[in-house]
């Protein structure tokens, strides 16, 4: 895994790249991609960082791991490539946006447009084996993405961290709530969306906070 990542992130995550755990992770990921289909495509593994440089981040949404079926994952949590049918969680996200702020459901499930506005769409694990959810969990990605979250929480001010579901909420436990806005609710998956995701108003709350702190709101 020849790591090529936006320079603003490379500077802050250099210690991770040089650590023993990351070398082991690199060896594991290389072997997995060589052995069979894995996602996202290698060039898109660090898409979340490349599309959203460190100093441009306004909002962080934390996911778990990439979609594991062909053609779906593009290195951004909850996002799918143009032309791919919406997975259930993404469909529910668009429904909540429509209910919250009236934005029509888009024709594309790609969230690149969010990333380019300053939304870091960060999966805790950045790769996955085809057809096997969480198959690359526990090999080091979590430490790497924890470091990214820690740098943002400690070096930036007035960010919005959106944590859907217990996994994301545990990962976001290090965030100083007096320094940043942390929004929590149930996960948008069909199993839990009706138990607190729908009606959470996270998209309007995010924009209200950004405007309050002199930032341009996100065009969700």
Protein backbone atom coordinates (compact mmCIF):
# COMPACT_ATOMS: atom_id res chain seq x y z
CA UNK A 1 0.00 0.00 0.00
CA UNK A 2 1.83 3.03 -1.30
CA UNK A 3 0.24 5.73 0.84
CA UNK A 4 -0.61 8.85 -1.10
CA UNK A 5 -2.72 11.22 0.93
CA UNK A 6 -3.48 14.93 1.00
CA UNK A 7 -0.41 16.79 2.35
CA UNK A 8 -2.33 18.43 5.21
CA UNK A 9 -3.25 14.99 6.50
CA UNK A 10 0.11 13.43 5.71
CA UNK A 11 1.78 15.98 7.94
CA UNK A 12 -0.43 15.15 10.91
CA UNK A 13 -0.59 11.40 10.43
CA UNK A 14 3.09 10.84 9.65
CA UNK A 15 3.67 9.25 13.07
CA UNK A 16 0.95 6.71 12.27
CA UNK A 17 2.43 5.87 8.87
CA UNK A 18 5.83 5.30 10.48
CA UNK A 19 4.56 3.17 13.36
CA UNK A 20 4.93 -0.64 13.53
CA UNK A 21 1.18 -1.21 13.58
CA UNK A 22 0.74 0.63 10.30
CA UNK A 23 3.42 -1.45 8.61
CA UNK A 24 1.59 -4.58 9.75
CA UNK A 25 -1.68 -3.10 8.50
CA UNK A 26 -0.07 -2.31 5.15
CA UNK A 27 1.17 -5.88 4.80
CA UNK A 28 -2.28 -7.22 5.67
CA UNK A 29 -4.14 -4.96 3.22
CA UNK A 30 -1.71 -5.67 0.39
CA UNK A 31 -2.12 -9.41 0.92
CA UNK A 32 -5.91 -9.11 1.03
CA UNK A 33 -6.13 -7.10 -2.20
CA UNK A 34 -3.76 -9.55 -3.89
CA UNK A 35 -5.75 -12.58 -2.71
CA UNK A 36 -9.17 -11.46 -3.93
CA UNK A 37 -11.67 -8.66 -4.39
CA UNK A 38 -11.56 -5.92 -1.76
CA UNK A 39 -13.16 -2.50 -1.58
CA UNK A 40 -12.88 0.37 -2.21
CA UNK A 41 -10.48 0.35 -5.20
CA UNK A 42 -6.93 0.93 -3.98
CA UNK A 43 -6.73 4.45 -5.33
CA UNK A 44 -9.81 5.43 -3.29
CA UNK A 45 -8.81 4.07 0.12
CA UNK A 46 -7.91 7.56 1.37
CA UNK A 47 -10.63 9.40 -0.56
CA UNK A 48 -12.18 10.87 2.60
CA UNK A 49 -8.89 12.63 3.41
CA UNK A 50 -8.02 13.60 -0.16
CA UNK A 51 -11.39 15.23 -0.84
CA UNK A 52 -11.48 17.02 2.51
CA UNK A 53 -8.11 18.48 3.59
CA UNK A 54 -7.50 18.91 7.31
CA UNK A 55 -7.89 22.68 7.38
CA UNK A 56 -11.10 22.54 5.32
CA UNK A 57 -12.99 20.15 7.62
CA UNK A 58 -16.20 21.56 9.09
CA UNK A 59 -18.17 18.40 9.81
CA UNK A 60 -17.17 14.81 10.59
CA UNK A 61 -19.52 11.88 10.00
CA UNK A 62 -18.22 8.57 11.35
CA UNK A 63 -19.15 5.27 9.74
CA UNK A 64 -17.98 1.73 10.44
CA UNK A 65 -16.56 0.08 7.31
CA UNK A 66 -16.98 0.32 3.52
CA UNK A 67 -19.79 -1.27 1.57
CA UNK A 68 -18.66 -4.75 0.59
CA UNK A 69 -20.50 -5.42 -2.67
CA UNK A 70 -19.06 -4.69 -6.15
CA UNK A 71 -19.14 -1.10 -7.37
CA UNK A 72 -20.51 0.44 -4.18
CA UNK A 73 -17.66 1.76 -2.01
CA UNK A 74 -15.78 4.90 -3.04
CA UNK A 75 -13.83 5.65 0.13
CA UNK A 76 -16.49 7.83 1.78
CA UNK A 77 -18.76 6.54 4.53
CA UNK A 78 -22.41 5.99 3.51
CA UNK A 79 -21.59 7.08 -0.09
CA UNK A 80 -21.94 4.98 -3.22
CA UNK A 81 -20.65 5.63 -6.71
CA UNK A 82 -22.84 7.32 -9.31
CA UNK A 83 -25.44 4.99 -10.77
CA UNK A 84 -25.42 2.54 -7.84
CA UNK A 85 -28.80 1.96 -6.14
CA UNK A 86 -29.04 3.58 -2.71
CA UNK A 87 -28.30 1.21 0.18
CA UNK A 88 -31.01 1.33 2.88
CA UNK A 89 -29.05 3.54 5.31
CA UNK A 90 -28.30 6.11 2.62
CA UNK A 91 -31.94 6.11 1.54
CA UNK A 92 -32.91 6.91 5.12
CA UNK A 93 -30.29 9.68 5.33
CA UNK A 94 -31.76 11.35 2.26
CA UNK A 95 -35.27 10.95 3.70
CA UNK A 96 -34.25 12.71 6.91
CA UNK A 97 -32.57 15.52 4.96
CA UNK A 98 -35.77 16.00 2.96
CA UNK A 99 -37.92 16.00 6.11
CA UNK A 100 -35.50 18.25 8.00
CA UNK A 101 -34.62 20.97 5.50
CA UNK A 102 -36.65 20.17 2.39
CA UNK A 103 -33.78 19.24 0.07
CA UNK A 104 -35.11 16.86 -2.60
CA UNK A 105 -33.72 13.32 -2.68
CA UNK A 106 -30.84 13.39 -5.21
CA UNK A 107 -30.46 11.12 -8.20
CA UNK A 108 -26.90 10.12 -7.22
CA UNK A 109 -25.81 8.42 -4.02
CA UNK A 110 -22.30 9.82 -4.23
CA UNK A 111 -21.52 12.14 -1.33
CA UNK A 112 -18.42 13.62 -2.94
CA UNK A 113 -20.29 16.92 -3.06
CA UNK A 114 -20.43 16.89 0.75
CA UNK A 115 -16.75 16.02 1.09
CA UNK A 116 -15.80 18.87 -1.19
CA UNK A 117 -17.70 21.27 1.08
CA UNK A 118 -15.83 20.18 4.20
CA UNK A 119 -17.62 17.04 5.40
CA UNK A 120 -15.11 14.34 6.38
CA UNK A 121 -16.91 11.08 5.63
CA UNK A 122 -14.74 8.78 7.70
CA UNK A 123 -15.17 5.05 8.08
CA UNK A 124 -13.45 3.59 11.14
CA UNK A 125 -12.06 0.83 8.90
CA UNK A 126 -11.02 1.96 5.43
CA UNK A 127 -11.04 -1.37 3.56
CA UNK A 128 -13.11 -4.55 3.45
CA UNK A 129 -13.09 -7.97 1.77
CA UNK A 130 -15.81 -8.55 -0.83
CA UNK A 131 -19.10 -9.84 0.61
CA UNK A 132 -17.73 -9.90 4.20
CA UNK A 133 -18.70 -6.97 6.40
CA UNK A 134 -16.11 -5.96 9.01
CA UNK A 135 -13.58 -8.42 7.55
CA UNK A 136 -10.74 -5.88 7.88
CA UNK A 137 -11.71 -4.73 11.37
CA UNK A 138 -9.20 -5.25 14.16
CA UNK A 139 -6.09 -4.96 11.98
CA UNK A 140 -5.08 -1.38 12.75
CA UNK A 141 -7.38 0.89 10.79
CA UNK A 142 -9.23 1.84 13.95
CA UNK A 143 -6.06 3.22 15.56
CA UNK A 144 -5.33 5.21 12.41
CA UNK A 145 -8.79 6.76 12.21
CA UNK A 146 -8.79 7.41 15.96
CA UNK A 147 -5.63 9.46 15.39
CA UNK A 148 -7.34 11.47 12.65
CA UNK A 149 -10.29 12.23 14.92
CA UNK A 150 -7.96 13.17 17.78
CA UNK A 151 -6.01 15.63 15.64
CA UNK A 152 -9.22 17.32 14.54
CA UNK A 153 -10.67 17.44 18.05
CA UNK A 154 -7.48 18.88 19.55
CA UNK A 155 -6.25 21.21 16.79
CA UNK A 156 -9.47 22.64 15.40
CA UNK A 157 -12.38 24.51 17.00
CA UNK A 158 -16.13 24.54 16.39
CA UNK A 159 -16.38 21.39 14.31
CA UNK A 160 -19.55 19.31 14.13
CA UNK A 161 -19.14 15.60 14.84
CA UNK A 162 -22.13 13.47 13.78
CA UNK A 163 -22.26 10.11 15.54
CA UNK A 164 -24.98 7.70 14.45
CA UNK A 165 -25.24 4.48 16.43
CA UNK A 166 -23.32 3.10 19.40
CA UNK A 167 -20.17 2.26 17.42
CA UNK A 168 -19.65 5.83 16.22
CA UNK A 169 -20.56 7.20 19.64
CA UNK A 170 -17.87 5.12 21.33
CA UNK A 171 -15.33 6.21 18.73
CA UNK A 172 -16.25 9.84 19.35
CA UNK A 173 -15.98 9.64 23.13
CA UNK A 174 -12.66 11.56 23.11
CA UNK A 175 -14.22 14.71 21.62
CA UNK A 176 -14.43 17.77 23.88
CA UNK A 177 -18.11 18.73 23.88
CA UNK A 178 -17.32 22.24 25.12
CA UNK A 179 -15.18 22.90 22.08
CA UNK A 180 -17.20 21.18 19.34
CA UNK A 181 -20.81 20.30 18.60
CA UNK A 182 -21.42 16.57 18.95
CA UNK A 183 -24.71 15.26 17.54
CA UNK A 184 -25.77 11.72 18.44
CA UNK A 185 -28.72 9.55 17.49
CA UNK A 186 -29.67 6.07 16.43
CA UNK A 187 -28.09 4.71 13.25
CA UNK A 188 -29.90 5.28 9.92
CA UNK A 189 -30.08 1.55 9.16
CA UNK A 190 -33.62 0.14 8.77
CA UNK A 191 -33.17 -1.74 12.04
CA UNK A 192 -32.84 1.45 14.09
CA UNK A 193 -33.83 4.49 12.01
CA UNK A 194 -37.31 4.65 13.50
CA UNK A 195 -35.85 4.59 17.02
CA UNK A 196 -34.33 8.05 16.96
CA UNK A 197 -32.65 8.69 13.63
CA UNK A 198 -35.72 9.99 11.89
CA UNK A 199 -36.48 13.40 13.31
CA UNK A 200 -33.00 14.01 14.72
CA UNK A 201 -32.67 17.26 12.67
CA UNK A 202 -28.90 16.80 12.51
CA UNK A 203 -28.61 18.53 9.15
CA UNK A 204 -30.35 21.75 10.18
CA UNK A 205 -28.61 21.70 13.57
CA UNK A 206 -25.24 21.37 11.84
CA UNK A 207 -25.90 24.30 9.55
CA UNK A 208 -27.22 26.47 12.39
CA UNK A 209 -24.01 25.83 14.33
CA UNK A 210 -21.76 26.52 11.34
CA UNK A 211 -23.51 29.82 10.61
CA UNK A 212 -23.32 30.79 14.28
CA UNK A 213 -19.54 30.33 14.11
CA UNK A 214 -19.03 32.22 10.87
CA UNK A 215 -18.92 29.25 8.50
CA UNK A 216 -20.77 28.63 5.27
CA UNK A 217 -23.51 26.01 5.79
CA UNK A 218 -23.41 22.68 3.96
CA UNK A 219 -25.60 22.28 0.88
CA UNK A 220 -26.92 18.86 1.89
